Amino acid sequence: MKIDLYTQKGEKKGSTDVADAMFKAPVNDELIRLAVVRQLANRRNGAIAHVKQRGEVRGGGRKPWRQKGTGRARVGSSRNPVWRSGGAVFGPRNTRNYELNMPKKQRRMALFSCLSQKAADKKVFALDAYKADAPKTKDFAALVGKLPEGRSLLVVLDQKDEVLQKSANNLPHVKTILVDYLNPHDLLRFDNVMFLEASLKKAEELFLN
């Protein structure tokens, strides 16, 4: 399969070959859904939200009043969940683990499904290289303006590139990501996906071996 190849000036240079196994795979919507749910669940931190139960709230050791003869409802502790300043019932606890697992082969197929869907919609293209002496958002924004139209752009890098990453940081609808961390959630969030030509080769080495 071939995808369009652009130069740093935003001009179409031609096309480049990509692996059919990655960009022409069957699209499995259910695997994509499971992969995204897993990714979002594993981001959750169960240790942030935590409430105290009635046995953990300070005070409440003494019975507020005697059991009978007062005309009031019987109560054993002022830390009863019904009372103000009492313990919480069924609140979030920091012992909860939201982590979900998914077999590696299924994760790969979900990733290939997203890439294939983008490629089928002509939303994937490549850049031969990006070279600059210093970070400059204006130059990178000019390049993005000449690329295929889309509201947002995901730039896939083969390695850390401080100049390119800093040039793209101030653009609200552009995100740079290393090919090692390519994932279905980001692929779905952004309209267009731009690979550096070197990152295509690295992706094949990482995901097809």
N, C-alpha and C. Protein backbone atom coordinates (compact mmCIF):
# COMPACT_ATOMS: atom_id res chain seq x y z
N MET A 1 0.84 -1.19 0.00
CA MET A 1 0.00 0.00 0.00
C MET A 1 0.88 1.25 0.00
N LYS A 2 0.39 2.32 -0.59
CA LYS A 2 1.13 3.57 -0.66
C LYS A 2 0.33 4.69 0.01
N ILE A 3 1.08 5.61 0.65
CA ILE A 3 0.46 6.81 1.19
C ILE A 3 1.23 8.02 0.65
N ASP A 4 0.60 9.19 0.68
CA ASP A 4 1.22 10.39 0.13
C ASP A 4 2.42 10.81 0.98
N LEU A 5 3.43 11.34 0.29
CA LEU A 5 4.65 11.81 0.94
C LEU A 5 4.83 13.30 0.65
N TYR A 6 5.04 14.10 1.72
CA TYR A 6 5.18 15.55 1.59
C TYR A 6 6.58 15.99 2.01
N THR A 7 6.98 17.15 1.51
CA THR A 7 8.25 17.75 1.91
C THR A 7 8.01 18.73 3.04
N GLN A 8 9.08 19.27 3.59
CA GLN A 8 8.97 20.24 4.68
C GLN A 8 8.30 21.53 4.24
N LYS A 9 8.30 21.80 2.95
CA LYS A 9 7.66 23.00 2.41
C LYS A 9 6.15 22.80 2.21
N GLY A 10 5.67 21.59 2.50
CA GLY A 10 4.25 21.31 2.33
C GLY A 10 3.88 20.88 0.93
N GLU A 11 4.87 20.60 0.10
CA GLU A 11 4.61 20.19 -1.28
C GLU A 11 4.56 18.66 -1.36
N LYS A 12 3.67 18.17 -2.18
CA LYS A 12 3.55 16.72 -2.35
C LYS A 12 4.73 16.20 -3.17
N LYS A 13 5.48 15.29 -2.58
CA LYS A 13 6.70 14.77 -3.21
C LYS A 13 6.43 13.52 -4.02
N GLY A 14 5.41 12.79 -3.63
CA GLY A 14 5.10 11.51 -4.29
C GLY A 14 4.39 10.61 -3.31
N SER A 15 4.81 9.36 -3.24
CA SER A 15 4.20 8.42 -2.31
C SER A 15 5.28 7.50 -1.74
N THR A 16 4.95 6.84 -0.66
CA THR A 16 5.87 5.91 -0.03
C THR A 16 5.13 4.63 0.33
N ASP A 17 5.84 3.52 0.30
CA ASP A 17 5.23 2.22 0.60
C ASP A 17 5.10 2.02 2.10
N VAL A 18 3.97 1.45 2.50
CA VAL A 18 3.74 1.09 3.90
C VAL A 18 3.25 -0.36 3.94
N ALA A 19 3.40 -0.98 5.10
CA ALA A 19 3.05 -2.39 5.24
C ALA A 19 1.53 -2.59 5.21
N ASP A 20 1.09 -3.51 4.34
CA ASP A 20 -0.34 -3.82 4.26
C ASP A 20 -0.86 -4.38 5.59
N ALA A 21 0.00 -5.10 6.31
CA ALA A 21 -0.43 -5.70 7.58
C ALA A 21 -0.84 -4.65 8.59
N MET A 22 -0.26 -3.44 8.47
CA MET A 22 -0.59 -2.37 9.41
C MET A 22 -1.65 -1.42 8.88
N PHE A 23 -1.61 -1.13 7.58
CA PHE A 23 -2.47 -0.08 7.03
C PHE A 23 -3.58 -0.61 6.11
N LYS A 24 -3.67 -1.93 5.99
CA LYS A 24 -4.73 -2.50 5.17
C LYS A 24 -5.32 -3.72 5.87
N ALA A 25 -5.34 -3.68 7.18
CA ALA A 25 -5.85 -4.79 7.97
C ALA A 25 -7.38 -4.68 8.10
N PRO A 26 -8.05 -5.79 8.37
CA PRO A 26 -9.51 -5.73 8.62
C PRO A 26 -9.81 -4.84 9.83
N VAL A 27 -10.82 -4.02 9.71
CA VAL A 27 -11.18 -3.11 10.80
C VAL A 27 -12.14 -3.81 11.75
N ASN A 28 -11.71 -3.95 13.00
CA ASN A 28 -12.52 -4.61 14.02
C ASN A 28 -12.95 -3.56 15.05
N ASP A 29 -14.18 -3.08 14.94
CA ASP A 29 -14.67 -2.01 15.82
C ASP A 29 -14.70 -2.43 17.28
N GLU A 30 -15.02 -3.69 17.55
CA GLU A 30 -15.11 -4.15 18.93
C GLU A 30 -13.73 -4.16 19.60
N LEU A 31 -12.71 -4.57 18.88
CA LEU A 31 -11.36 -4.54 19.45
C LEU A 31 -10.91 -3.11 19.71
N ILE A 32 -11.27 -2.19 18.82
CA ILE A 32 -10.94 -0.78 19.03
C ILE A 32 -11.61 -0.27 20.31
N ARG A 33 -12.88 -0.60 20.48
CA ARG A 33 -13.61 -0.16 21.68
C ARG A 33 -12.96 -0.71 22.94
N LEU A 34 -12.64 -2.00 22.93
CA LEU A 34 -12.03 -2.61 24.11
C LEU A 34 -10.66 -1.99 24.43
N ALA A 35 -9.90 -1.68 23.38
CA ALA A 35 -8.57 -1.09 23.58
C ALA A 35 -8.67 0.31 24.18
N VAL A 36 -9.63 1.09 23.70
CA VAL A 36 -9.80 2.46 24.21
C VAL A 36 -10.30 2.42 25.66
N VAL A 37 -11.26 1.54 25.95
CA VAL A 37 -11.76 1.42 27.31
C VAL A 37 -10.64 1.01 28.26
N ARG A 38 -9.81 0.07 27.82
CA ARG A 38 -8.67 -0.37 28.64
C ARG A 38 -7.70 0.78 28.89
N GLN A 39 -7.40 1.54 27.84
CA GLN A 39 -6.44 2.63 27.97
C GLN A 39 -6.94 3.70 28.93
N LEU A 40 -8.21 4.07 28.82
CA LEU A 40 -8.76 5.10 29.70
C LEU A 40 -8.89 4.60 31.13
N ALA A 41 -9.23 3.32 31.29
CA ALA A 41 -9.35 2.76 32.63
C ALA A 41 -7.99 2.71 33.33
N ASN A 42 -6.95 2.36 32.58
CA ASN A 42 -5.62 2.27 33.19
C ASN A 42 -5.03 3.63 33.52
N ARG A 43 -5.61 4.69 32.98
CA ARG A 43 -5.17 6.04 33.34
C ARG A 43 -5.72 6.48 34.69
N ARG A 44 -6.81 5.86 35.13
CA ARG A 44 -7.48 6.30 36.34
C ARG A 44 -6.63 6.00 37.56
N ASN A 45 -6.63 6.93 38.48
CA ASN A 45 -5.91 6.77 39.73
C ASN A 45 -6.92 6.60 40.85
N GLY A 46 -7.03 5.38 41.33
CA GLY A 46 -8.01 5.09 42.37
C GLY A 46 -7.63 5.63 43.73
N ALA A 47 -6.41 6.15 43.88
CA ALA A 47 -5.95 6.63 45.19
C ALA A 47 -6.31 8.08 45.45
N ILE A 48 -6.90 8.77 44.48
CA ILE A 48 -7.19 10.20 44.65
C ILE A 48 -8.46 10.40 45.49
N ALA A 49 -9.55 9.79 45.07
CA ALA A 49 -10.83 9.97 45.77
C ALA A 49 -10.95 8.92 46.88
N HIS A 50 -11.17 9.40 48.10
CA HIS A 50 -11.25 8.48 49.23
C HIS A 50 -12.11 9.11 50.33
N VAL A 51 -13.05 8.34 50.84
CA VAL A 51 -13.89 8.82 51.94
C VAL A 51 -13.72 7.89 53.15
N LYS A 52 -14.03 8.44 54.33
CA LYS A 52 -13.95 7.64 55.55
C LYS A 52 -15.30 7.01 55.87
N GLN A 53 -15.24 5.76 56.27
CA GLN A 53 -16.45 5.08 56.70
C GLN A 53 -16.69 5.37 58.18
N ARG A 54 -17.81 4.87 58.71
CA ARG A 54 -18.18 5.24 60.08
C ARG A 54 -17.15 4.78 61.11
N GLY A 55 -16.43 3.74 60.82
CA GLY A 55 -15.42 3.25 61.75
C GLY A 55 -14.12 4.03 61.71
N GLU A 56 -13.97 4.93 60.73
CA GLU A 56 -12.72 5.67 60.57
C GLU A 56 -12.86 7.15 60.95
N VAL A 57 -14.11 7.64 61.05
CA VAL A 57 -14.32 9.03 61.41
C VAL A 57 -14.00 9.23 62.89
N ARG A 58 -13.34 10.35 63.19
CA ARG A 58 -12.94 10.61 64.56
C ARG A 58 -14.16 10.87 65.44
N GLY A 59 -14.11 10.35 66.68
CA GLY A 59 -15.17 10.58 67.64
C GLY A 59 -16.25 9.51 67.56
N GLY A 60 -17.35 9.77 68.24
CA GLY A 60 -18.48 8.86 68.17
C GLY A 60 -18.37 7.64 69.06
N GLY A 61 -17.44 7.66 70.01
CA GLY A 61 -17.27 6.48 70.86
C GLY A 61 -18.37 6.32 71.90
N ARG A 62 -18.88 7.44 72.35
CA ARG A 62 -19.90 7.40 73.41
C ARG A 62 -21.29 7.41 72.80
N LYS A 63 -22.17 6.61 73.37
CA LYS A 63 -23.56 6.58 72.89
C LYS A 63 -24.21 7.92 73.21
N PRO A 64 -24.81 8.60 72.23
CA PRO A 64 -25.34 9.96 72.44
C PRO A 64 -26.36 10.06 73.57
N TRP A 65 -27.25 9.10 73.67
CA TRP A 65 -28.22 9.06 74.77
C TRP A 65 -28.62 7.62 75.03
N ARG A 66 -29.30 7.42 76.16
CA ARG A 66 -29.64 6.06 76.53
C ARG A 66 -30.62 5.45 75.54
N GLN A 67 -30.68 4.14 75.55
CA GLN A 67 -31.45 3.41 74.53
C GLN A 67 -32.94 3.69 74.64
N LYS A 68 -33.47 3.70 75.85
CA LYS A 68 -34.92 3.81 76.00
C LYS A 68 -35.29 4.98 76.92
N GLY A 69 -36.54 5.37 76.80
CA GLY A 69 -37.09 6.33 77.74
C GLY A 69 -36.95 7.79 77.37
N THR A 70 -36.29 8.11 76.26
CA THR A 70 -36.12 9.52 75.89
C THR A 70 -37.17 9.98 74.89
N GLY A 71 -37.84 9.04 74.25
CA GLY A 71 -38.81 9.41 73.22
C GLY A 71 -38.18 9.63 71.85
N ARG A 72 -36.85 9.61 71.81
CA ARG A 72 -36.16 9.80 70.54
C ARG A 72 -35.77 8.46 69.93
N ALA A 73 -35.40 8.50 68.67
CA ALA A 73 -34.99 7.26 67.99
C ALA A 73 -33.70 6.75 68.61
N ARG A 74 -33.57 5.45 68.69
CA ARG A 74 -32.37 4.85 69.27
C ARG A 74 -31.19 5.07 68.30
N VAL A 75 -30.03 5.34 68.88
CA VAL A 75 -28.84 5.57 68.06
C VAL A 75 -27.63 5.13 68.87
N GLY A 76 -26.65 4.56 68.19
CA GLY A 76 -25.49 4.04 68.90
C GLY A 76 -24.25 4.91 68.78
N SER A 77 -24.19 5.75 67.74
CA SER A 77 -22.98 6.56 67.55
C SER A 77 -23.33 7.83 66.80
N SER A 78 -22.63 8.89 67.16
CA SER A 78 -22.84 10.16 66.45
C SER A 78 -22.15 10.15 65.08
N ARG A 79 -21.41 9.09 64.79
CA ARG A 79 -20.76 8.97 63.48
C ARG A 79 -21.55 8.06 62.55
N ASN A 80 -22.80 7.88 62.89
CA ASN A 80 -23.74 7.17 62.02
C ASN A 80 -23.83 7.90 60.67
N PRO A 81 -23.84 7.22 59.53
CA PRO A 81 -23.90 7.91 58.23
C PRO A 81 -25.08 8.85 58.07
N VAL A 82 -26.14 8.63 58.85
CA VAL A 82 -27.31 9.51 58.76
C VAL A 82 -27.02 10.88 59.38
N TRP A 83 -26.13 10.91 60.33
CA TRP A 83 -25.83 12.15 61.05
C TRP A 83 -24.85 13.02 60.29
N ARG A 84 -24.92 14.32 60.57
CA ARG A 84 -23.95 15.27 60.04
C ARG A 84 -22.56 14.94 60.61
N SER A 85 -21.54 14.98 59.78
CA SER A 85 -20.17 14.62 60.14
C SER A 85 -20.00 13.12 60.39
N GLY A 86 -20.99 12.36 59.98
CA GLY A 86 -20.87 10.91 60.11
C GLY A 86 -20.05 10.32 58.97
N GLY A 87 -19.87 9.02 59.02
CA GLY A 87 -19.13 8.33 57.98
C GLY A 87 -19.91 8.28 56.67
N ALA A 88 -19.21 8.06 55.57
CA ALA A 88 -19.85 7.98 54.26
C ALA A 88 -20.19 6.53 53.93
N VAL A 89 -21.24 6.38 53.14
CA VAL A 89 -21.67 5.04 52.74
C VAL A 89 -21.46 4.88 51.24
N PHE A 90 -20.81 3.80 50.84
CA PHE A 90 -20.59 3.47 49.42
C PHE A 90 -19.83 4.58 48.67
N GLY A 91 -18.98 5.32 49.40
CA GLY A 91 -18.18 6.34 48.74
C GLY A 91 -16.94 5.74 48.10
N PRO A 92 -16.20 6.52 47.34
CA PRO A 92 -14.99 6.00 46.69
C PRO A 92 -13.90 5.68 47.71
N ARG A 93 -13.19 4.57 47.49
CA ARG A 93 -12.12 4.15 48.38
C ARG A 93 -10.82 4.02 47.60
N ASN A 94 -9.71 4.31 48.26
CA ASN A 94 -8.44 4.26 47.55
C ASN A 94 -7.90 2.85 47.36
N THR A 95 -8.70 1.87 47.69
CA THR A 95 -8.29 0.48 47.49
C THR A 95 -8.79 -0.06 46.15
N ARG A 96 -9.55 0.72 45.42
CA ARG A 96 -10.13 0.23 44.17
C ARG A 96 -9.09 0.27 43.04
N ASN A 97 -9.05 -0.78 42.26
CA ASN A 97 -8.12 -0.89 41.14
C ASN A 97 -8.92 -0.94 39.84
N TYR A 98 -8.70 0.04 38.97
CA TYR A 98 -9.45 0.12 37.71
C TYR A 98 -8.72 -0.56 36.55
N GLU A 99 -7.57 -1.14 36.81
CA GLU A 99 -6.74 -1.67 35.73
C GLU A 99 -7.44 -2.79 34.96
N LEU A 100 -7.34 -2.73 33.64
CA LEU A 100 -7.89 -3.76 32.76
C LEU A 100 -6.77 -4.36 31.93
N ASN A 101 -6.88 -5.64 31.64
CA ASN A 101 -5.88 -6.31 30.82
C ASN A 101 -6.45 -6.65 29.45
N MET A 102 -5.57 -6.79 28.48
CA MET A 102 -5.96 -7.14 27.13
C MET A 102 -4.78 -7.85 26.48
N PRO A 103 -4.99 -8.98 25.83
CA PRO A 103 -3.87 -9.69 25.20
C PRO A 103 -3.12 -8.82 24.20
N LYS A 104 -1.82 -9.05 24.11
CA LYS A 104 -0.97 -8.23 23.24
C LYS A 104 -1.42 -8.31 21.78
N LYS A 105 -1.80 -9.49 21.32
CA LYS A 105 -2.22 -9.64 19.92
C LYS A 105 -3.48 -8.81 19.63
N GLN A 106 -4.39 -8.78 20.61
CA GLN A 106 -5.61 -7.98 20.43
C GLN A 106 -5.29 -6.49 20.42
N ARG A 107 -4.34 -6.07 21.28
CA ARG A 107 -3.95 -4.65 21.29
C ARG A 107 -3.34 -4.26 19.94
N ARG A 108 -2.52 -5.12 19.40
CA ARG A 108 -1.91 -4.85 18.10
C ARG A 108 -2.97 -4.76 17.00
N MET A 109 -3.93 -5.70 17.02
CA MET A 109 -4.98 -5.70 16.00
C MET A 109 -5.86 -4.46 16.12
N ALA A 110 -6.09 -3.99 17.34
CA ALA A 110 -6.87 -2.76 17.53
C ALA A 110 -6.12 -1.56 16.94
N LEU A 111 -4.80 -1.52 17.17
CA LEU A 111 -3.97 -0.45 16.61
C LEU A 111 -3.98 -0.49 15.09
N PHE A 112 -3.81 -1.68 14.52
CA PHE A 112 -3.82 -1.82 13.07
C PHE A 112 -5.19 -1.47 12.48
N SER A 113 -6.25 -1.76 13.22
CA SER A 113 -7.60 -1.42 12.76
C SER A 113 -7.76 0.09 12.65
N CYS A 114 -7.25 0.82 13.65
CA CYS A 114 -7.34 2.28 13.63
C CYS A 114 -6.52 2.86 12.47
N LEU A 115 -5.30 2.34 12.29
CA LEU A 115 -4.45 2.83 11.21
C LEU A 115 -5.08 2.52 9.84
N SER A 116 -5.66 1.35 9.71
CA SER A 116 -6.28 0.96 8.44
C SER A 116 -7.51 1.81 8.14
N GLN A 117 -8.26 2.12 9.18
CA GLN A 117 -9.44 2.98 9.01
C GLN A 117 -9.03 4.37 8.57
N LYS A 118 -7.97 4.92 9.19
CA LYS A 118 -7.47 6.23 8.80
C LYS A 118 -6.93 6.21 7.37
N ALA A 119 -6.20 5.14 7.03
CA ALA A 119 -5.63 5.04 5.69
C ALA A 119 -6.73 4.93 4.63
N ALA A 120 -7.78 4.20 4.94
CA ALA A 120 -8.89 4.05 3.99
C ALA A 120 -9.60 5.38 3.76
N ASP A 121 -9.60 6.23 4.78
CA ASP A 121 -10.23 7.55 4.66
C ASP A 121 -9.27 8.63 4.13
N LYS A 122 -8.07 8.20 3.72
CA LYS A 122 -7.04 9.12 3.20
C LYS A 122 -6.64 10.15 4.26
N LYS A 123 -6.56 9.71 5.51
CA LYS A 123 -6.20 10.59 6.61
C LYS A 123 -4.79 10.33 7.13
N VAL A 124 -4.03 9.47 6.43
CA VAL A 124 -2.66 9.17 6.84
C VAL A 124 -1.71 9.58 5.73
N PHE A 125 -0.66 10.30 6.07
CA PHE A 125 0.35 10.68 5.09
C PHE A 125 1.70 10.77 5.79
N ALA A 126 2.74 11.02 5.03
CA ALA A 126 4.10 11.02 5.59
C ALA A 126 4.82 12.30 5.23
N LEU A 127 5.81 12.63 6.05
CA LEU A 127 6.70 13.78 5.83
C LEU A 127 8.11 13.22 5.69
N ASP A 128 8.82 13.63 4.64
CA ASP A 128 10.14 13.04 4.42
C ASP A 128 11.11 13.36 5.56
N ALA A 129 11.09 14.60 6.05
CA ALA A 129 11.95 14.99 7.18
C ALA A 129 11.57 16.39 7.62
N TYR A 130 11.96 16.73 8.84
CA TYR A 130 11.76 18.10 9.34
C TYR A 130 13.06 18.55 9.97
N LYS A 131 13.67 19.58 9.39
CA LYS A 131 14.94 20.08 9.89
C LYS A 131 14.85 21.59 10.11
N ALA A 132 15.30 22.03 11.27
CA ALA A 132 15.31 23.46 11.58
C ALA A 132 16.41 23.71 12.61
N ASP A 133 16.94 24.93 12.59
CA ASP A 133 18.02 25.27 13.52
C ASP A 133 17.50 25.50 14.93
N ALA A 134 16.28 26.00 15.02
CA ALA A 134 15.71 26.31 16.34
C ALA A 134 14.19 26.15 16.27
N PRO A 135 13.55 25.90 17.41
CA PRO A 135 12.08 25.77 17.42
C PRO A 135 11.40 27.05 16.96
N LYS A 136 10.44 26.92 16.06
CA LYS A 136 9.70 28.08 15.60
C LYS A 136 8.28 27.65 15.23
N THR A 137 7.33 28.06 16.06
CA THR A 137 5.95 27.66 15.86
C THR A 137 5.39 28.18 14.54
N LYS A 138 5.79 29.39 14.17
CA LYS A 138 5.28 30.00 12.95
C LYS A 138 5.61 29.14 11.72
N ASP A 139 6.83 28.64 11.64
CA ASP A 139 7.23 27.81 10.50
C ASP A 139 6.46 26.50 10.46
N PHE A 140 6.31 25.88 11.64
CA PHE A 140 5.58 24.60 11.67
C PHE A 140 4.10 24.80 11.37
N ALA A 141 3.53 25.91 11.85
CA ALA A 141 2.13 26.20 11.56
C ALA A 141 1.91 26.42 10.07
N ALA A 142 2.89 27.04 9.42
CA ALA A 142 2.80 27.24 7.96
C ALA A 142 2.81 25.90 7.23
N LEU A 143 3.62 24.97 7.72
CA LEU A 143 3.65 23.62 7.13
C LEU A 143 2.31 22.92 7.31
N VAL A 144 1.76 22.99 8.52
CA VAL A 144 0.48 22.33 8.80
C VAL A 144 -0.63 22.90 7.91
N GLY A 145 -0.57 24.20 7.64
CA GLY A 145 -1.58 24.84 6.80
C GLY A 145 -1.56 24.35 5.35
N LYS A 146 -0.43 23.81 4.91
CA LYS A 146 -0.32 23.32 3.53
C LYS A 146 -0.62 21.84 3.40
N LEU A 147 -0.75 21.16 4.52
CA LEU A 147 -1.03 19.73 4.50
C LEU A 147 -2.52 19.48 4.28
N PRO A 148 -2.92 18.22 4.00
CA PRO A 148 -4.35 17.92 3.80
C PRO A 148 -5.21 18.47 4.93
N GLU A 149 -6.35 18.98 4.55
CA GLU A 149 -7.22 19.68 5.51
C GLU A 149 -7.71 18.74 6.60
N GLY A 150 -7.71 19.24 7.81
CA GLY A 150 -8.21 18.51 8.96
C GLY A 150 -8.18 19.41 10.18
N ARG A 151 -9.08 19.18 11.11
CA ARG A 151 -9.15 20.05 12.28
C ARG A 151 -7.99 19.82 13.24
N SER A 152 -7.41 18.61 13.22
CA SER A 152 -6.34 18.30 14.15
C SER A 152 -5.35 17.35 13.50
N LEU A 153 -4.14 17.32 14.06
CA LEU A 153 -3.06 16.54 13.45
C LEU A 153 -2.24 15.84 14.53
N LEU A 154 -2.01 14.55 14.33
CA LEU A 154 -1.14 13.76 15.19
C LEU A 154 0.16 13.49 14.42
N VAL A 155 1.27 13.94 15.00
CA VAL A 155 2.58 13.78 14.35
C VAL A 155 3.33 12.65 15.04
N VAL A 156 3.69 11.63 14.27
CA VAL A 156 4.34 10.43 14.83
C VAL A 156 5.84 10.51 14.54
N LEU A 157 6.63 10.52 15.60
CA LEU A 157 8.08 10.65 15.49
C LEU A 157 8.78 9.32 15.73
N ASP A 158 9.93 9.15 15.09
CA ASP A 158 10.71 7.92 15.32
C ASP A 158 11.58 8.05 16.56
N GLN A 159 11.96 9.27 16.93
CA GLN A 159 12.76 9.53 18.12
C GLN A 159 12.49 10.95 18.60
N LYS A 160 12.96 11.25 19.80
CA LYS A 160 12.74 12.59 20.36
C LYS A 160 13.42 13.64 19.49
N ASP A 161 12.65 14.66 19.14
CA ASP A 161 13.15 15.77 18.32
C ASP A 161 12.72 17.05 19.01
N GLU A 162 13.62 17.63 19.79
CA GLU A 162 13.26 18.79 20.61
C GLU A 162 12.81 19.97 19.76
N VAL A 163 13.43 20.18 18.61
CA VAL A 163 13.06 21.31 17.76
C VAL A 163 11.64 21.14 17.24
N LEU A 164 11.32 19.98 16.70
CA LEU A 164 9.98 19.75 16.15
C LEU A 164 8.93 19.76 17.26
N GLN A 165 9.24 19.09 18.37
CA GLN A 165 8.26 19.02 19.45
C GLN A 165 7.95 20.39 20.04
N LYS A 166 8.96 21.21 20.22
CA LYS A 166 8.73 22.56 20.76
C LYS A 166 8.02 23.44 19.73
N SER A 167 8.28 23.21 18.45
CA SER A 167 7.60 23.98 17.42
C SER A 167 6.11 23.68 17.37
N ALA A 168 5.75 22.44 17.73
CA ALA A 168 4.34 22.03 17.66
C ALA A 168 3.59 22.22 18.98
N ASN A 169 4.32 22.43 20.08
CA ASN A 169 3.69 22.48 21.40
C ASN A 169 2.63 23.56 21.54
N ASN A 170 2.85 24.72 20.90
CA ASN A 170 1.92 25.84 21.07
C ASN A 170 0.73 25.81 20.12
N LEU A 171 0.68 24.79 19.27
CA LEU A 171 -0.47 24.65 18.37
C LEU A 171 -1.51 23.79 19.07
N PRO A 172 -2.70 24.33 19.34
CA PRO A 172 -3.67 23.62 20.18
C PRO A 172 -4.20 22.33 19.58
N HIS A 173 -4.20 22.21 18.26
CA HIS A 173 -4.79 21.02 17.64
C HIS A 173 -3.74 20.09 17.03
N VAL A 174 -2.51 20.23 17.51
CA VAL A 174 -1.42 19.37 17.03
C VAL A 174 -0.78 18.68 18.22
N LYS A 175 -0.50 17.39 18.08
CA LYS A 175 0.18 16.65 19.13
C LYS A 175 1.29 15.81 18.51
N THR A 176 2.45 15.78 19.16
CA THR A 176 3.54 14.91 18.72
C THR A 176 3.60 13.70 19.65
N ILE A 177 3.91 12.54 19.07
CA ILE A 177 3.98 11.31 19.85
C ILE A 177 5.07 10.42 19.26
N LEU A 178 5.80 9.74 20.12
CA LEU A 178 6.79 8.78 19.64
C LEU A 178 6.07 7.54 19.14
N VAL A 179 6.61 6.93 18.11
CA VAL A 179 5.96 5.76 17.51
C VAL A 179 5.83 4.63 18.53
N ASP A 180 6.72 4.59 19.51
CA ASP A 180 6.65 3.55 20.56
C ASP A 180 5.35 3.65 21.35
N TYR A 181 4.79 4.86 21.46
CA TYR A 181 3.59 5.07 22.27
C TYR A 181 2.32 5.27 21.43
N LEU A 182 2.37 4.91 20.17
CA LEU A 182 1.20 5.04 19.30
C LEU A 182 0.06 4.20 19.85
N ASN A 183 -1.14 4.77 19.91
CA ASN A 183 -2.25 4.06 20.55
C ASN A 183 -3.58 4.41 19.87
N PRO A 184 -4.59 3.53 20.00
CA PRO A 184 -5.88 3.77 19.36
C PRO A 184 -6.59 5.04 19.81
N HIS A 185 -6.45 5.39 21.09
CA HIS A 185 -7.17 6.56 21.60
C HIS A 185 -6.73 7.84 20.90
N ASP A 186 -5.41 8.04 20.76
CA ASP A 186 -4.92 9.23 20.07
C ASP A 186 -5.23 9.20 18.58
N LEU A 187 -5.18 8.03 17.98
CA LEU A 187 -5.51 7.92 16.56
C LEU A 187 -6.95 8.32 16.29
N LEU A 188 -7.84 8.01 17.22
CA LEU A 188 -9.25 8.36 17.05
C LEU A 188 -9.52 9.83 17.36
N ARG A 189 -8.72 10.41 18.24
CA ARG A 189 -8.93 11.81 18.66
C ARG A 189 -8.58 12.80 17.56
N PHE A 190 -7.60 12.47 16.74
CA PHE A 190 -7.10 13.43 15.75
C PHE A 190 -7.58 13.06 14.34
N ASP A 191 -7.88 14.09 13.56
CA ASP A 191 -8.39 13.87 12.20
C ASP A 191 -7.34 13.25 11.29
N ASN A 192 -6.17 13.87 11.25
CA ASN A 192 -5.10 13.41 10.35
C ASN A 192 -3.92 12.87 11.15
N VAL A 193 -3.22 11.92 10.54
CA VAL A 193 -2.03 11.33 11.17
C VAL A 193 -0.87 11.50 10.20
N MET A 194 0.20 12.15 10.67
CA MET A 194 1.39 12.35 9.84
C MET A 194 2.58 11.62 10.43
N PHE A 195 3.10 10.67 9.68
CA PHE A 195 4.31 9.95 10.08
C PHE A 195 5.53 10.62 9.46
N LEU A 196 6.61 10.72 10.22
CA LEU A 196 7.88 10.99 9.58
C LEU A 196 8.29 9.72 8.84
N GLU A 197 8.97 9.87 7.73
CA GLU A 197 9.31 8.70 6.92
C GLU A 197 10.11 7.68 7.74
N ALA A 198 10.97 8.16 8.61
CA ALA A 198 11.75 7.25 9.45
C ALA A 198 10.88 6.52 10.47
N SER A 199 9.80 7.17 10.92
CA SER A 199 8.94 6.53 11.91
C SER A 199 8.12 5.39 11.32
N LEU A 200 7.88 5.43 10.00
CA LEU A 200 7.18 4.31 9.35
C LEU A 200 8.01 3.04 9.42
N LYS A 201 9.30 3.17 9.17
CA LYS A 201 10.19 2.01 9.23
C LYS A 201 10.29 1.48 10.66
N LYS A 202 10.37 2.40 11.60
CA LYS A 202 10.48 1.96 13.00
C LYS A 202 9.18 1.29 13.45
N ALA A 203 8.04 1.77 12.97
CA ALA A 203 6.75 1.16 13.33
C ALA A 203 6.68 -0.28 12.85
N GLU A 204 7.17 -0.52 11.65
CA GLU A 204 7.18 -1.89 11.12
C GLU A 204 8.08 -2.78 11.97
N GLU A 205 9.22 -2.26 12.39
CA GLU A 205 10.12 -3.04 13.24
C GLU A 205 9.49 -3.34 14.59
N LEU A 206 8.78 -2.37 15.14
CA LEU A 206 8.20 -2.55 16.48
C LEU A 206 6.98 -3.47 16.48
N PHE A 207 6.08 -3.25 15.53
CA PHE A 207 4.77 -3.88 15.60
C PHE A 207 4.61 -5.14 14.75
N LEU A 208 5.51 -5.36 13.82
CA LEU A 208 5.35 -6.51 12.93
C LEU A 208 6.32 -7.66 13.23
N ASN A 209 7.21 -7.45 14.18
CA ASN A 209 8.14 -8.53 14.54
C ASN A 209 7.52 -9.41 15.62
